[in-house]
Protein backbone atom coordinates (compact mmCIF):
# COMPACT_ATOMS: atom_id res chain seq x y z
CA MET A 1 0.00 0.00 0.00
CA PRO A 2 1.54 3.35 -1.00
CA SER A 3 2.46 6.00 1.56
CA PHE A 4 2.12 9.71 0.90
CA VAL A 5 3.44 12.99 2.31
CA SER A 6 2.58 16.61 1.70
CA ILE A 7 5.62 18.85 1.19
CA THR A 8 5.13 22.21 2.88
CA ARG A 9 6.88 25.54 3.28
CA GLY A 10 7.76 26.98 6.68
CA ASN A 11 4.39 28.75 6.80
CA GLY A 12 2.58 25.41 6.46
CA LYS A 13 1.36 25.99 2.88
CA ALA A 14 1.67 22.95 0.64
CA VAL A 15 4.23 23.12 -2.15
CA PHE A 16 3.48 19.59 -3.32
CA PRO A 17 0.18 18.54 -1.66
CA LYS A 18 0.69 14.82 -2.36
CA CYS A 19 3.97 12.97 -2.96
CA GLU A 20 4.37 9.22 -3.02
CA VAL A 21 7.00 8.00 -0.56
CA MET A 22 9.52 5.64 -2.11
CA ASP A 23 9.49 3.36 0.93
CA SER A 24 10.84 0.08 -0.40
CA PRO A 25 14.08 -0.88 -2.16
CA LEU A 26 12.14 -1.74 -5.32
CA LYS A 27 10.29 1.61 -5.36
CA ARG A 28 13.54 3.52 -4.74
CA ALA A 29 15.33 1.61 -7.51
CA ARG A 30 12.53 2.16 -10.02
CA GLY A 31 11.60 5.76 -9.20
CA LEU A 32 10.31 7.38 -12.39
CA MET A 33 11.74 4.76 -14.75
CA PHE A 34 9.29 3.59 -17.42
CA SER A 35 6.78 6.33 -16.56
CA ARG A 36 5.39 8.43 -19.40
CA LYS A 37 5.08 11.49 -17.16
CA VAL A 38 5.39 12.50 -13.52
CA ALA A 39 1.84 11.90 -12.28
CA LEU A 40 2.71 12.53 -8.61
CA PRO A 41 5.99 13.86 -7.22
CA LEU A 42 8.12 11.17 -5.58
CA PHE A 43 9.77 11.58 -2.16
CA PHE A 44 12.97 9.65 -1.38
CA GLU A 45 14.85 9.28 1.89
CA PHE A 46 18.39 8.01 1.40
CA GLU A 47 20.13 5.71 3.90
CA SER A 48 22.57 8.45 4.85
CA SER A 49 23.60 11.92 3.76
CA GLY A 50 26.02 12.08 0.85
CA ARG A 51 26.75 13.28 -2.68
CA ARG A 52 27.92 10.44 -4.91
CA ARG A 53 26.09 7.71 -2.99
CA ASN A 54 22.85 9.67 -3.48
CA SER A 55 23.34 10.41 -7.16
CA ILE A 56 20.51 9.59 -9.53
CA HIS A 57 19.98 9.07 -13.27
CA SER A 58 17.19 9.68 -15.77
CA VAL A 59 17.55 6.62 -17.98
CA PHE A 60 14.05 5.55 -19.11
CA CYS A 61 12.54 8.52 -17.22
CA PRO A 62 10.37 11.41 -18.40
CA PRO A 63 11.72 14.96 -17.89
CA PHE A 64 11.55 15.95 -14.21
CA ASP A 65 12.88 18.37 -11.60
CA ALA A 66 15.20 17.00 -8.91
CA ILE A 67 15.08 18.86 -5.60
CA PHE A 68 17.78 17.69 -3.20
CA LEU A 69 17.42 18.39 0.54
CA ASN A 70 19.82 17.97 3.45
CA GLU A 71 19.06 16.18 6.73
CA ARG A 72 17.23 19.30 8.01
CA MET A 73 15.03 19.45 4.89
CA ARG A 74 16.84 22.54 3.56
CA VAL A 75 17.00 22.73 -0.26
CA VAL A 76 20.67 22.27 -1.20
CA ASP A 77 20.43 21.67 -4.97
CA ILE A 78 17.77 22.02 -7.65
CA ARG A 79 17.97 20.54 -11.14
CA ILE A 80 15.30 21.94 -13.44
CA ASN A 81 14.04 19.83 -16.34
CA VAL A 82 16.37 16.85 -16.07
CA ARG A 83 16.31 15.38 -19.54
CA PRO A 84 15.81 11.67 -20.26
CA TYR A 85 18.92 9.48 -20.50
CA THR A 86 21.18 11.60 -18.30
CA SER A 87 23.50 8.89 -16.97
CA ILE A 88 24.43 10.49 -13.63
CA ILE A 89 23.16 13.46 -11.63
CA VAL A 90 25.27 14.16 -8.55
CA PRO A 91 23.95 16.76 -6.10
CA SER A 92 26.31 19.71 -5.60
CA VAL A 93 26.40 19.10 -1.83
CA ALA A 94 25.49 16.20 0.45
CA CYS A 95 21.78 15.42 0.59
CA LYS A 96 19.54 13.09 2.59
CA PHE A 97 16.20 13.55 0.78
CA LEU A 98 15.08 13.98 -2.83
CA ILE A 99 11.87 15.12 -4.47
CA GLU A 100 11.37 14.15 -8.12
CA ALA A 101 8.65 16.46 -9.43
CA PRO A 102 7.16 17.41 -12.81
CA ALA A 103 9.57 19.35 -15.04
CA PHE A 104 9.68 23.10 -14.30
CA SER A 105 7.53 22.75 -11.17
CA ALA A 106 10.35 23.85 -8.84
CA LYS A 107 10.67 27.06 -10.82
CA GLY A 108 6.90 27.54 -11.06
CA LYS A 109 6.52 27.03 -7.31
CA LYS A 110 9.48 29.35 -6.65
CA ILE A 111 11.48 26.81 -4.64
CA VAL A 112 14.89 28.31 -3.90
CA LEU A 113 18.23 27.12 -2.57
CA GLY A 114 18.39 27.36 1.20
CA GLU A 115 14.62 27.17 1.65
CA LYS A 116 13.41 24.90 4.45
CA LEU A 117 10.60 22.52 3.64
CA GLY A 118 8.56 20.14 5.75
CA ALA A 119 6.95 16.78 5.07
CA ARG A 120 3.61 15.86 6.60
CA ARG A 121 2.23 12.33 6.46
CA ILE A 122 -1.09 11.89 4.68
CA GLY A 123 -3.51 9.25 5.95
CA ALA A 124 -2.53 6.28 8.06
CA ALA A 125 0.99 5.91 9.40
CA PRO A 126 3.18 4.16 6.82
CA LEU A 127 4.87 0.85 7.51
CA TYR A 128 8.15 2.53 6.63
CA LYS A 129 9.16 5.15 9.19
CA LEU A 130 10.31 8.47 7.78
CA HIS A 131 13.27 9.80 9.74
CA LEU A 132 12.54 13.45 9.13
CA PRO A 133 13.66 16.15 11.56
CA SER A 134 10.81 17.48 13.66
CA LEU A 135 9.92 20.67 15.47
CA ASN A 136 6.99 18.93 17.13
CA SER A 137 7.47 17.44 20.57
CA SER A 138 5.52 14.40 19.40
CA PRO A 139 5.45 14.12 15.60
CA ALA A 140 3.46 10.90 15.62
CA SER A 141 0.66 12.46 17.64
CA LYS A 142 0.38 15.41 15.28
CA GLY A 143 1.03 13.46 12.08
CA GLY A 144 3.63 15.86 10.74
CA PHE A 145 7.29 16.51 10.31
CA HIS A 146 8.83 19.94 9.76
CA ALA A 147 12.30 21.39 9.23
CA ARG A 148 14.04 23.12 12.08
């Protein structure tokens, strides 16, 4: 069963109201591959923060935006309109999270480097636990996660 998060700005307004969480090794490996378009943004949490180990590709993928975030959910790199068949995309600095969104949506939504975003669970708690930083004293009780 898929898990979803809403990506929000510091003021609580949704930037991406519904993103599918890539919460299994198979989902993370497949990502956008073999999709005709980005129907829903995808949200990835990597095992640990890094650059090369968290690089991605766009082989067999539609055009998309890659928004890399550090462990505090701060935007550290944005790649607008990643073209199909790009063999390797390495973030400019270490990242822990990634949002793959429709092409040009980061620009259209005015997402900028250094901006802090939050991720709020949608619906029932997922089987896979997101390890997002939290400002809440009890994130599980409030159902949300936000950047510090």
